[in-house]
Structures are given as structure tokens and as C-alpha cells.
Amino acid sequence: MIDQVTPTQLAAWFAADPAAAPVLLDVREPWEWETASVMPAGFKLVTIPMNEIPGRLAELDPSQRVACLCHHGARSQRVAMFLAQNGFDALANVSGGINAWSIQHDPAVPRY
């Protein structure tokens, strides 16, 4: 099952299993990271564009808690579903994506 978490719920979702390393997987394109990005705080930030995930799957660890992030939440949901099909259990989609991150969590993150 893929949990749906808001940016404000993310820290609590990561904390639900303190033994698992928290990873925020940003699946947006490089130009999007350059436009607006999150600052890692209590989690590791990994940036892999959605279309590169299958070829770079070995860079991710299924024992970690992985929350996926994109612009609004659609691409990240698809990536989370792909990860679930490939042995990842602790998965979340950041609902509303980086746009919601800016509105709900950190207004310093530009919206685009």
C-alpha cells in the first residue's frame, strides 16, 4: 500500500519506523530541481527523474522508508507504484508535490 502524506505529515511518516533510513525521492526533471527544491531535514534527498528510475533502481534501498515527490503528486504516485512492484514496502506519495510543499511547509520554495 502506498501512503498519501502531505508535506506537513512527512516527518511523522518517516518517524513511524526510526530503524529505517528516511529518503525523499524527488522524481522531477533537473530543470524543476533548479527551479524549486527542498532542503533535506531529517531525511536524505535523492533526485532521480521519473523516466530514469527503472535503470537506476539499484541506487535505492528497499529497506528504507521512501517518500516520492514531484510537482503535484501524479508522477510520484506512479513511481511509488513501480517501487511497490519491485519489492519496496515502506512507501509514501507526497500529495500535492513540491507545490503543496511550498504552500504548507516552506513558503521559501518557489512555486512554478
PDB file of N, CA and C in Angstrom:
ATOM      1  N   MET A   1       0.839  -1.187   0.000  1.00  0.00           N
ATOM      2  CA  MET A   1       0.000   0.000   0.000  1.00  0.00           C
ATOM      3  C   MET A   1       0.881   1.247   0.000  1.00  0.00           C
ATOM      4  N   ILE A   2       0.457   2.229  -0.734  1.00  0.00           N
ATOM      5  CA  ILE A   2       1.209   3.476  -0.813  1.00  0.00           C
ATOM      6  C   ILE A   2       0.467   4.529   0.005  1.00  0.00           C
ATOM      7  N   ASP A   3       1.122   4.994   1.050  1.00  0.00           N
ATOM      8  CA  ASP A   3       0.538   6.023   1.892  1.00  0.00           C
ATOM      9  C   ASP A   3       0.528   7.351   1.152  1.00  0.00           C
ATOM     10  N   GLN A   4      -0.488   8.146   1.405  1.00  0.00           N
ATOM     11  CA  GLN A   4      -0.578   9.509   0.875  1.00  0.00           C
ATOM     12  C   GLN A   4      -0.327  10.444   2.053  1.00  0.00           C
ATOM     13  N   VAL A   5       0.748  11.212   1.992  1.00  0.00           N
ATOM     14  CA  VAL A   5       1.079  12.109   3.089  1.00  0.00           C
ATOM     15  C   VAL A   5       1.236  13.533   2.549  1.00  0.00           C
ATOM     16  N   THR A   6       0.818  14.478   3.332  1.00  0.00           N
ATOM     17  CA  THR A   6       1.025  15.875   2.977  1.00  0.00           C
ATOM     18  C   THR A   6       2.439  16.255   3.405  1.00  0.00           C
ATOM     19  N   PRO A   7       2.965  17.342   2.893  1.00  0.00           N
ATOM     20  CA  PRO A   7       4.293  17.773   3.331  1.00  0.00           C
ATOM     21  C   PRO A   7       4.382  17.960   4.845  1.00  0.00           C
ATOM     22  N   THR A   8       3.309  18.414   5.467  1.00  0.00           N
ATOM     23  CA  THR A   8       3.343  18.621   6.916  1.00  0.00           C
ATOM     24  C   THR A   8       3.291  17.308   7.689  1.00  0.00           C
ATOM     25  N   GLN A   9       2.841  16.229   7.061  1.00  0.00           N
ATOM     26  CA  GLN A   9       2.779  14.914   7.705  1.00  0.00           C
ATOM     27  C   GLN A   9       4.039  14.082   7.463  1.00  0.00           C
ATOM     28  N   LEU A  10       4.911  14.540   6.587  1.00  0.00           N
ATOM     29  CA  LEU A  10       6.045  13.726   6.158  1.00  0.00           C
ATOM     30  C   LEU A  10       6.982  13.345   7.298  1.00  0.00           C
ATOM     31  N   ALA A  11       7.339  14.275   8.157  1.00  0.00           N
ATOM     32  CA  ALA A  11       8.254  13.972   9.260  1.00  0.00           C
ATOM     33  C   ALA A  11       7.686  12.877  10.152  1.00  0.00           C
ATOM     34  N   ALA A  12       6.403  12.929  10.439  1.00  0.00           N
ATOM     35  CA  ALA A  12       5.771  11.896  11.265  1.00  0.00           C
ATOM     36  C   ALA A  12       5.763  10.559  10.540  1.00  0.00           C
ATOM     37  N   TRP A  13       5.541  10.566   9.221  1.00  0.00           N
ATOM     38  CA  TRP A  13       5.554   9.320   8.454  1.00  0.00           C
ATOM     39  C   TRP A  13       6.944   8.694   8.504  1.00  0.00           C
ATOM     40  N   PHE A  14       7.983   9.500   8.320  1.00  0.00           N
ATOM     41  CA  PHE A  14       9.349   8.990   8.420  1.00  0.00           C
ATOM     42  C   PHE A  14       9.619   8.443   9.817  1.00  0.00           C
ATOM     43  N   ALA A  15       9.142   9.129  10.842  1.00  0.00           N
ATOM     44  CA  ALA A  15       9.412   8.750  12.234  1.00  0.00           C
ATOM     45  C   ALA A  15       8.673   7.484  12.660  1.00  0.00           C
ATOM     46  N   ALA A  16       7.699   7.026  11.884  1.00  0.00           N
ATOM     47  CA  ALA A  16       6.937   5.840  12.247  1.00  0.00           C
ATOM     48  C   ALA A  16       7.815   4.595  12.354  1.00  0.00           C
ATOM     49  N   ASP A  17       8.945   4.596  11.663  1.00  0.00           N
ATOM     50  CA  ASP A  17       9.901   3.486  11.763  1.00  0.00           C
ATOM     51  C   ASP A  17      11.295   4.077  11.882  1.00  0.00           C
ATOM     52  N   PRO A  18      11.736   4.375  13.109  1.00  0.00           N
ATOM     53  CA  PRO A  18      13.037   5.018  13.286  1.00  0.00           C
ATOM     54  C   PRO A  18      14.220   4.152  12.855  1.00  0.00           C
ATOM     55  N   ALA A  19      14.000   2.852  12.701  1.00  0.00           N
ATOM     56  CA  ALA A  19      15.091   1.970  12.282  1.00  0.00           C
ATOM     57  C   ALA A  19      15.356   2.059  10.778  1.00  0.00           C
ATOM     58  N   ALA A  20      14.389   2.547  10.020  1.00  0.00           N
ATOM     59  CA  ALA A  20      14.529   2.635   8.562  1.00  0.00           C
ATOM     60  C   ALA A  20      14.989   4.036   8.176  1.00  0.00           C
ATOM     61  N   ALA A  21      16.009   4.101   7.353  1.00  0.00           N
ATOM     62  CA  ALA A  21      16.528   5.398   6.911  1.00  0.00           C
ATOM     63  C   ALA A  21      15.479   6.106   6.049  1.00  0.00           C
ATOM     64  N   PRO A  22      15.188   7.380   6.341  1.00  0.00           N
ATOM     65  CA  PRO A  22      14.199   8.124   5.567  1.00  0.00           C
ATOM     66  C   PRO A  22      14.791   8.731   4.299  1.00  0.00           C
ATOM     67  N   VAL A  23      14.112   8.515   3.179  1.00  0.00           N
ATOM     68  CA  VAL A  23      14.562   9.034   1.888  1.00  0.00           C
ATOM     69  C   VAL A  23      13.403   9.760   1.214  1.00  0.00           C
ATOM     70  N   LEU A  24      13.669  10.977   0.783  1.00  0.00           N
ATOM     71  CA  LEU A  24      12.726  11.696  -0.061  1.00  0.00           C
ATOM     72  C   LEU A  24      13.249  11.588  -1.486  1.00  0.00           C
ATOM     73  N   LEU A  25      12.498  10.893  -2.327  1.00  0.00           N
ATOM     74  CA  LEU A  25      12.888  10.666  -3.711  1.00  0.00           C
ATOM     75  C   LEU A  25      12.169  11.674  -4.595  1.00  0.00           C
ATOM     76  N   ASP A  26      12.923  12.640  -5.101  1.00  0.00           N
ATOM     77  CA  ASP A  26      12.378  13.672  -5.981  1.00  0.00           C
ATOM     78  C   ASP A  26      12.511  13.173  -7.411  1.00  0.00           C
ATOM     79  N   VAL A  27      11.377  12.934  -8.069  1.00  0.00           N
ATOM     80  CA  VAL A  27      11.381  12.327  -9.403  1.00  0.00           C
ATOM     81  C   VAL A  27      11.154  13.352 -10.517  1.00  0.00           C
ATOM     82  N   ARG A  28      11.285  14.625 -10.186  1.00  0.00           N
ATOM     83  CA  ARG A  28      11.108  15.671 -11.199  1.00  0.00           C
ATOM     84  C   ARG A  28      12.346  15.759 -12.096  1.00  0.00           C
ATOM     85  N   GLU A  29      12.232  16.560 -13.118  1.00  0.00           N
ATOM     86  CA  GLU A  29      13.322  16.769 -14.066  1.00  0.00           C
ATOM     87  C   GLU A  29      14.341  17.749 -13.491  1.00  0.00           C
ATOM     88  N   PRO A  30      15.605  17.688 -13.957  1.00  0.00           N
ATOM     89  CA  PRO A  30      16.635  18.593 -13.431  1.00  0.00           C
ATOM     90  C   PRO A  30      16.257  20.067 -13.477  1.00  0.00           C
ATOM     91  N   TRP A  31      15.610  20.534 -14.534  1.00  0.00           N
ATOM     92  CA  TRP A  31      15.230  21.951 -14.586  1.00  0.00           C
ATOM     93  C   TRP A  31      14.252  22.290 -13.460  1.00  0.00           C
ATOM     94  N   GLU A  32      13.440  21.296 -13.051  1.00  0.00           N
ATOM     95  CA  GLU A  32      12.494  21.541 -11.961  1.00  0.00           C
ATOM     96  C   GLU A  32      13.219  21.642 -10.622  1.00  0.00           C
ATOM     97  N   TRP A  33      14.248  20.806 -10.415  1.00  0.00           N
ATOM     98  CA  TRP A  33      15.041  20.881  -9.173  1.00  0.00           C
ATOM     99  C   TRP A  33      15.704  22.245  -9.071  1.00  0.00           C
ATOM    100  N   GLU A  34      16.185  22.734 -10.228  1.00  0.00           N
ATOM    101  CA  GLU A  34      16.857  24.031 -10.234  1.00  0.00           C
ATOM    102  C   GLU A  34      15.874  25.166  -9.957  1.00  0.00           C
ATOM    103  N   THR A  35      14.622  24.979 -10.347  1.00  0.00           N
ATOM    104  CA  THR A  35      13.593  25.993 -10.136  1.00  0.00           C
ATOM    105  C   THR A  35      13.126  26.023  -8.684  1.00  0.00           C
ATOM    106  N   ALA A  36      12.900  24.846  -8.113  1.00  0.00           N
ATOM    107  CA  ALA A  36      12.381  24.736  -6.744  1.00  0.00           C
ATOM    108  C   ALA A  36      12.852  23.419  -6.154  1.00  0.00           C
ATOM    109  N   SER A  37      13.453  23.492  -4.989  1.00  0.00           N
ATOM    110  CA  SER A  37      13.946  22.272  -4.351  1.00  0.00           C
ATOM    111  C   SER A  37      13.708  22.330  -2.851  1.00  0.00           C
ATOM    112  N   VAL A  38      13.658  21.154  -2.244  1.00  0.00           N
ATOM    113  CA  VAL A  38      13.503  21.071  -0.786  1.00  0.00           C
ATOM    114  C   VAL A  38      14.884  20.940  -0.155  1.00  0.00           C
ATOM    115  N   MET A  39      14.963  21.386   1.078  1.00  0.00           N
ATOM    116  CA  MET A  39      16.202  21.234   1.845  1.00  0.00           C
ATOM    117  C   MET A  39      16.044  19.996   2.718  1.00  0.00           C
ATOM    118  N   PRO A  40      16.980  19.049   2.635  1.00  0.00           N
ATOM    119  CA  PRO A  40      16.868  17.857   3.478  1.00  0.00           C
ATOM    120  C   PRO A  40      16.924  18.226   4.958  1.00  0.00           C
ATOM    121  N   ALA A  41      15.949  17.736   5.691  1.00  0.00           N
ATOM    122  CA  ALA A  41      15.888  17.975   7.132  1.00  0.00           C
ATOM    123  C   ALA A  41      15.367  16.704   7.791  1.00  0.00           C
ATOM    124  N   GLY A  42      16.286  15.882   8.267  1.00  0.00           N
ATOM    125  CA  GLY A  42      15.894  14.627   8.889  1.00  0.00           C
ATOM    126  C   GLY A  42      15.673  13.505   7.898  1.00  0.00           C
ATOM    127  N   PHE A  43      16.026  13.733   6.648  1.00  0.00           N
ATOM    128  CA  PHE A  43      15.900  12.709   5.614  1.00  0.00           C
ATOM    129  C   PHE A  43      16.984  12.937   4.568  1.00  0.00           C
ATOM    130  N   LYS A  44      17.240  11.906   3.795  1.00  0.00           N
ATOM    131  CA  LYS A  44      18.177  12.009   2.675  1.00  0.00           C
ATOM    132  C   LYS A  44      17.367  12.361   1.429  1.00  0.00           C
ATOM    133  N   LEU A  45      17.835  13.343   0.676  1.00  0.00           N
ATOM    134  CA  LEU A  45      17.187  13.724  -0.574  1.00  0.00           C
ATOM    135  C   LEU A  45      17.900  13.029  -1.723  1.00  0.00           C
ATOM    136  N   VAL A  46      17.132  12.283  -2.519  1.00  0.00           N
ATOM    137  CA  VAL A  46      17.659  11.605  -3.704  1.00  0.00           C
ATOM    138  C   VAL A  46      16.886  12.144  -4.903  1.00  0.00           C
ATOM    139  N   THR A  47      17.612  12.567  -5.932  1.00  0.00           N
ATOM    140  CA  THR A  47      16.966  13.109  -7.128  1.00  0.00           C
ATOM    141  C   THR A  47      17.238  12.188  -8.312  1.00  0.00           C
ATOM    142  N   ILE A  48      16.177  11.570  -8.799  1.00  0.00           N
ATOM    143  CA  ILE A  48      16.244  10.714  -9.986  1.00  0.00           C
ATOM    144  C   ILE A  48      14.991  10.998 -10.809  1.00  0.00           C
ATOM    145  N   PRO A  49      15.139  11.517 -12.027  1.00  0.00           N
ATOM    146  CA  PRO A  49      13.953  11.767 -12.845  1.00  0.00           C
ATOM    147  C   PRO A  49      13.130  10.489 -13.049  1.00  0.00           C
ATOM    148  N   MET A  50      11.827  10.643 -13.106  1.00  0.00           N
ATOM    149  CA  MET A  50      10.915   9.503 -13.215  1.00  0.00           C
ATOM    150  C   MET A  50      11.330   8.509 -14.292  1.00  0.00           C
ATOM    151  N   ASN A  51      11.661   8.990 -15.464  1.00  0.00           N
ATOM    152  CA  ASN A  51      11.977   8.079 -16.569  1.00  0.00           C
ATOM    153  C   ASN A  51      13.286   7.321 -16.377  1.00  0.00           C
ATOM    154  N   GLU A  52      14.116   7.738 -15.425  1.00  0.00           N
ATOM    155  CA  GLU A  52      15.374   7.049 -15.162  1.00  0.00           C
ATOM    156  C   GLU A  52      15.268   6.029 -14.032  1.00  0.00           C
ATOM    157  N   ILE A  53      14.143   5.989 -13.337  1.00  0.00           N
ATOM    158  CA  ILE A  53      14.002   5.100 -12.178  1.00  0.00           C
ATOM    159  C   ILE A  53      14.266   3.634 -12.529  1.00  0.00           C
ATOM    160  N   PRO A  54      13.680   3.076 -13.592  1.00  0.00           N
ATOM    161  CA  PRO A  54      13.928   1.654 -13.861  1.00  0.00           C
ATOM    162  C   PRO A  54      15.417   1.321 -14.027  1.00  0.00           C
ATOM    163  N   GLY A  55      16.153   2.164 -14.711  1.00  0.00           N
ATOM    164  CA  GLY A  55      17.572   1.915 -14.940  1.00  0.00           C
ATOM    165  C   GLY A  55      18.457   2.207 -13.743  1.00  0.00           C
ATOM    166  N   ARG A  56      17.923   2.936 -12.781  1.00  0.00           N
ATOM    167  CA  ARG A  56      18.721   3.320 -11.605  1.00  0.00           C
ATOM    168  C   ARG A  56      18.142   2.749 -10.309  1.00  0.00           C
ATOM    169  N   LEU A  57      17.307   1.746 -10.431  1.00  0.00           N
ATOM    170  CA  LEU A  57      16.644   1.146  -9.278  1.00  0.00           C
ATOM    171  C   LEU A  57      17.636   0.670  -8.224  1.00  0.00           C
ATOM    172  N   ALA A  58      18.799   0.201  -8.657  1.00  0.00           N
ATOM    173  CA  ALA A  58      19.812  -0.305  -7.717  1.00  0.00           C
ATOM    174  C   ALA A  58      20.346   0.789  -6.783  1.00  0.00           C
ATOM    175  N   GLU A  59      20.124   2.044  -7.123  1.00  0.00           N
ATOM    176  CA  GLU A  59      20.567   3.142  -6.263  1.00  0.00           C
ATOM    177  C   GLU A  59      19.660   3.336  -5.048  1.00  0.00           C
ATOM    178  N   LEU A  60      18.518   2.661  -5.050  1.00  0.00           N
ATOM    179  CA  LEU A  60      17.558   2.776  -3.957  1.00  0.00           C
ATOM    180  C   LEU A  60      17.558   1.497  -3.134  1.00  0.00           C
ATOM    181  N   ASP A  61      17.287   1.632  -1.850  1.00  0.00           N
ATOM    182  CA  ASP A  61      17.322   0.507  -0.919  1.00  0.00           C
ATOM    183  C   ASP A  61      15.909   0.197  -0.435  1.00  0.00           C
ATOM    184  N   PRO A  62      15.405  -1.012  -0.706  1.00  0.00           N
ATOM    185  CA  PRO A  62      14.043  -1.357  -0.283  1.00  0.00           C
ATOM    186  C   PRO A  62      13.849  -1.378   1.233  1.00  0.00           C
ATOM    187  N   SER A  63      14.920  -1.378   2.004  1.00  0.00           N
ATOM    188  CA  SER A  63      14.774  -1.382   3.462  1.00  0.00           C
ATOM    189  C   SER A  63      14.555   0.022   4.021  1.00  0.00           C
ATOM    190  N   GLN A  64      14.647   1.030   3.180  1.00  0.00           N
ATOM    191  CA  GLN A  64      14.452   2.407   3.620  1.00  0.00           C
ATOM    192  C   GLN A  64      12.985   2.814   3.471  1.00  0.00           C
ATOM    193  N   ARG A  65      12.601   3.836   4.192  1.00  0.00           N
ATOM    194  CA  ARG A  65      11.274   4.444   4.002  1.00  0.00           C
ATOM    195  C   ARG A  65      11.438   5.481   2.893  1.00  0.00           C
ATOM    196  N   VAL A  66      10.713   5.298   1.812  1.00  0.00           N
ATOM    197  CA  VAL A  66      10.866   6.172   0.648  1.00  0.00           C
ATOM    198  C   VAL A  66       9.566   6.930   0.405  1.00  0.00           C
ATOM    199  N   ALA A  67       9.667   8.246   0.438  1.00  0.00           N
ATOM    200  CA  ALA A  67       8.553   9.108   0.074  1.00  0.00           C
ATOM    201  C   ALA A  67       8.893   9.741  -1.268  1.00  0.00           C
ATOM    202  N   CYS A  68       7.977   9.655  -2.202  1.00  0.00           N
ATOM    203  CA  CYS A  68       8.202  10.169  -3.556  1.00  0.00           C
ATOM    204  C   CYS A  68       7.564  11.540  -3.722  1.00  0.00           C
ATOM    205  N   LEU A  69       8.281  12.403  -4.443  1.00  0.00           N
ATOM    206  CA  LEU A  69       7.864  13.798  -4.623  1.00  0.00           C
ATOM    207  C   LEU A  69       7.991  14.191  -6.085  1.00  0.00           C
ATOM    208  N   CYS A  70       6.990  14.915  -6.586  1.00  0.00           N
ATOM    209  CA  CYS A  70       7.085  15.517  -7.923  1.00  0.00           C
ATOM    210  C   CYS A  70       6.459  16.906  -7.840  1.00  0.00           C
ATOM    211  N   HIS A  71       5.924  17.404  -8.939  1.00  0.00           N
ATOM    212  CA  HIS A  71       5.358  18.758  -8.939  1.00  0.00           C
ATOM    213  C   HIS A  71       4.013  18.816  -8.210  1.00  0.00           C
ATOM    214  N   HIS A  72       3.090  17.918  -8.566  1.00  0.00           N
ATOM    215  CA  HIS A  72       1.756  17.926  -7.955  1.00  0.00           C
ATOM    216  C   HIS A  72       1.360  16.585  -7.345  1.00  0.00           C
ATOM    217  N   GLY A  73       2.116  15.519  -7.583  1.00  0.00           N
ATOM    218  CA  GLY A  73       1.818  14.231  -6.962  1.00  0.00           C
ATOM    219  C   GLY A  73       1.475  13.102  -7.911  1.00  0.00           C
ATOM    220  N   ALA A  74       1.307  13.370  -9.198  1.00  0.00           N
ATOM    221  CA  ALA A  74       0.926  12.307 -10.138  1.00  0.00           C
ATOM    222  C   ALA A  74       2.118  11.439 -10.536  1.00  0.00           C
ATOM    223  N   ARG A  75       3.209  12.061 -10.950  1.00  0.00           N
ATOM    224  CA  ARG A  75       4.400  11.280 -11.331  1.00  0.00           C
ATOM    225  C   ARG A  75       4.929  10.499 -10.140  1.00  0.00           C
ATOM    226  N   SER A  76       4.966  11.142  -8.984  1.00  0.00           N
ATOM    227  CA  SER A  76       5.498  10.474  -7.799  1.00  0.00           C
ATOM    228  C   SER A  76       4.634   9.282  -7.407  1.00  0.00           C
ATOM    229  N   GLN A  77       3.321   9.365  -7.614  1.00  0.00           N
ATOM    230  CA  GLN A  77       2.442   8.231  -7.336  1.00  0.00           C
ATOM    231  C   GLN A  77       2.776   7.064  -8.257  1.00  0.00           C
ATOM    232  N   ARG A  78       3.020   7.342  -9.525  1.00  0.00           N
ATOM    233  CA  ARG A  78       3.377   6.273 -10.472  1.00  0.00           C
ATOM    234  C   ARG A  78       4.710   5.640 -10.097  1.00  0.00           C
ATOM    235  N   VAL A  79       5.668   6.450  -9.672  1.00  0.00           N
ATOM    236  CA  VAL A  79       6.964   5.912  -9.255  1.00  0.00           C
ATOM    237  C   VAL A  79       6.785   5.054  -8.001  1.00  0.00           C
ATOM    238  N   ALA A  80       5.990   5.516  -7.065  1.00  0.00           N
ATOM    239  CA  ALA A  80       5.745   4.729  -5.850  1.00  0.00           C
ATOM    240  C   ALA A  80       5.113   3.374  -6.201  1.00  0.00           C
ATOM    241  N   MET A  81       4.184   3.366  -7.144  1.00  0.00           N
ATOM    242  CA  MET A  81       3.570   2.108  -7.570  1.00  0.00           C
ATOM    243  C   MET A  81       4.615   1.194  -8.207  1.00  0.00           C
ATOM    244  N   PHE A  82       5.508   1.755  -9.019  1.00  0.00           N
ATOM    245  CA  PHE A  82       6.581   0.970  -9.629  1.00  0.00           C
ATOM    246  C   PHE A  82       7.488   0.383  -8.548  1.00  0.00           C
ATOM    247  N   LEU A  83       7.845   1.199  -7.560  1.00  0.00           N
ATOM    248  CA  LEU A  83       8.707   0.715  -6.480  1.00  0.00           C
ATOM    249  C   LEU A  83       8.013  -0.403  -5.701  1.00  0.00           C
ATOM    250  N   ALA A  84       6.724  -0.266  -5.466  1.00  0.00           N
ATOM    251  CA  ALA A  84       5.967  -1.302  -4.758  1.00  0.00           C
ATOM    252  C   ALA A  84       6.022  -2.628  -5.521  1.00  0.00           C
ATOM    253  N   GLN A  85       5.965  -2.555  -6.841  1.00  0.00           N
ATOM    254  CA  GLN A  85       6.034  -3.757  -7.670  1.00  0.00           C
ATOM    255  C   GLN A  85       7.437  -4.360  -7.692  1.00  0.00           C
ATOM    256  N   ASN A  86       8.409  -3.608  -7.187  1.00  0.00           N
ATOM    257  CA  ASN A  86       9.793  -4.058  -7.201  1.00  0.00           C
ATOM    258  C   ASN A  86      10.351  -4.267  -5.790  1.00  0.00           C
ATOM    259  N   GLY A  87       9.483  -4.613  -4.855  1.00  0.00           N
ATOM    260  CA  GLY A  87       9.930  -5.039  -3.544  1.00  0.00           C
ATOM    261  C   GLY A  87      10.055  -3.989  -2.463  1.00  0.00           C
ATOM    262  N   PHE A  88       9.636  -2.767  -2.725  1.00  0.00           N
ATOM    263  CA  PHE A  88       9.677  -1.724  -1.707  1.00  0.00           C
ATOM    264  C   PHE A  88       8.362  -1.776  -0.932  1.00  0.00           C
ATOM    265  N   ASP A  89       8.456  -1.740   0.396  1.00  0.00           N
ATOM    266  CA  ASP A  89       7.253  -1.847   1.222  1.00  0.00           C
ATOM    267  C   ASP A  89       6.853  -0.529   1.875  1.00  0.00           C
ATOM    268  N   ALA A  90       7.811   0.205   2.401  1.00  0.00           N
ATOM    269  CA  ALA A  90       7.525   1.440   3.130  1.00  0.00           C
ATOM    270  C   ALA A  90       7.567   2.602   2.154  1.00  0.00           C
ATOM    271  N   LEU A  91       6.409   2.901   1.565  1.00  0.00           N
ATOM    272  CA  LEU A  91       6.325   3.906   0.510  1.00  0.00           C
ATOM    273  C   LEU A  91       5.245   4.932   0.810  1.00  0.00           C
ATOM    274  N   ALA A  92       5.539   6.151   0.412  1.00  0.00           N
ATOM    275  CA  ALA A  92       4.538   7.215   0.504  1.00  0.00           C
ATOM    276  C   ALA A  92       4.644   8.093  -0.727  1.00  0.00           C
ATOM    277  N   ASN A  93       3.529   8.696  -1.061  1.00  0.00           N
ATOM    278  CA  ASN A  93       3.487   9.717  -2.094  1.00  0.00           C
ATOM    279  C   ASN A  93       3.214  11.035  -1.382  1.00  0.00           C
ATOM    280  N   VAL A  94       4.024  12.043  -1.678  1.00  0.00           N
ATOM    281  CA  VAL A  94       3.792  13.354  -1.086  1.00  0.00           C
ATOM    282  C   VAL A  94       2.678  14.014  -1.902  1.00  0.00           C
ATOM    283  N   SER A  95       1.481  13.989  -1.335  1.00  0.00           N
ATOM    284  CA  SER A  95       0.326  14.510  -2.059  1.00  0.00           C
ATOM    285  C   SER A  95       0.449  16.022  -2.227  1.00  0.00           C
ATOM    286  N   GLY A  96       0.191  16.446  -3.439  1.00  0.00           N
ATOM    287  CA  GLY A  96       0.320  17.869  -3.762  1.00  0.00           C
ATOM    288  C   GLY A  96       1.707  18.270  -4.207  1.00  0.00           C
ATOM    289  N   GLY A  97       2.697  17.370  -4.027  1.00  0.00           N
ATOM    290  CA  GLY A  97       4.049  17.580  -4.513  1.00  0.00           C
ATOM    291  C   GLY A  97       4.746  18.822  -3.970  1.00  0.00           C
ATOM    292  N   ILE A  98       5.703  19.301  -4.760  1.00  0.00           N
ATOM    293  CA  ILE A  98       6.508  20.460  -4.365  1.00  0.00           C
ATOM    294  C   ILE A  98       5.635  21.711  -4.265  1.00  0.00           C
ATOM    295  N   ASN A  99       4.545  21.737  -5.028  1.00  0.00           N
ATOM    296  CA  ASN A  99       3.623  22.861  -4.952  1.00  0.00           C
ATOM    297  C   ASN A  99       3.013  22.935  -3.547  1.00  0.00           C
ATOM    298  N   ALA A 100       2.547  21.811  -3.036  1.00  0.00           N
ATOM    299  CA  ALA A 100       1.996  21.764  -1.679  1.00  0.00           C
ATOM    300  C   ALA A 100       3.089  22.011  -0.647  1.00  0.00           C
ATOM    301  N   TRP A 101       4.301  21.541  -0.927  1.00  0.00           N
ATOM    302  CA  TRP A 101       5.431  21.773  -0.016  1.00  0.00           C
ATOM    303  C   TRP A 101       5.591  23.281   0.211  1.00  0.00           C
ATOM    304  N   SER A 102       5.533  24.037  -0.871  1.00  0.00           N
ATOM    305  CA  SER A 102       5.678  25.489  -0.777  1.00  0.00           C
ATOM    306  C   SER A 102       4.523  26.118   0.005  1.00  0.00           C
ATOM    307  N   ILE A 103       3.321  25.669  -0.255  1.00  0.00           N
ATOM    308  CA  ILE A 103       2.139  26.247   0.386  1.00  0.00           C
ATOM    309  C   ILE A 103       2.049  25.849   1.860  1.00  0.00           C
ATOM    310  N   GLN A 104       2.274  24.566   2.155  1.00  0.00           N
ATOM    311  CA  GLN A 104       2.013  24.050   3.502  1.00  0.00           C
ATOM    312  C   GLN A 104       3.222  24.021   4.429  1.00  0.00           C
ATOM    313  N   HIS A 105       4.408  23.902   3.856  1.00  0.00           N
ATOM    314  CA  HIS A 105       5.570  23.602   4.696  1.00  0.00           C
ATOM    315  C   HIS A 105       6.671  24.657   4.652  1.00  0.00           C
ATOM    316  N   ASP A 106       7.017  25.121   3.455  1.00  0.00           N
ATOM    317  CA  ASP A 106       8.127  26.059   3.334  1.00  0.00           C
ATOM    318  C   ASP A 106       7.838  27.056   2.218  1.00  0.00           C
ATOM    319  N   PRO A 107       7.293  28.228   2.564  1.00  0.00           N
ATOM    320  CA  PRO A 107       6.961  29.218   1.536  1.00  0.00           C
ATOM    321  C   PRO A 107       8.178  29.788   0.808  1.00  0.00           C
ATOM    322  N   ALA A 108       9.376  29.506   1.291  1.00  0.00           N
ATOM    323  CA  ALA A 108      10.580  29.955   0.582  1.00  0.00           C
ATOM    324  C   ALA A 108      10.831  29.146  -0.679  1.00  0.00           C
ATOM    325  N   VAL A 109      10.185  27.980  -0.803  1.00  0.00           N
ATOM    326  CA  VAL A 109      10.321  27.161  -2.010  1.00  0.00           C
ATOM    327  C   VAL A 109       9.453  27.795  -3.088  1.00  0.00           C
ATOM    328  N   PRO A 110      10.056  28.186  -4.215  1.00  0.00           N
ATOM    329  CA  PRO A 110       9.271  28.836  -5.284  1.00  0.00           C
ATOM    330  C   PRO A 110       8.214  27.898  -5.867  1.00  0.00           C
ATOM    331  N   ARG A 111       7.106  28.497  -6.261  1.00  0.00           N
ATOM    332  CA  ARG A 111       6.062  27.735  -6.973  1.00  0.00           C
ATOM    333  C   ARG A 111       6.234  28.009  -8.448  1.00  0.00           C
ATOM    334  N   TYR A 112       5.926  27.003  -9.251  1.00  0.00           N
ATOM    335  CA  TYR A 112       6.012  27.161 -10.714  1.00  0.00           C
ATOM    336  C   TYR A 112       4.884  26.417 -11.386  1.00  0.00           C
TER     337      TYR A 112
END
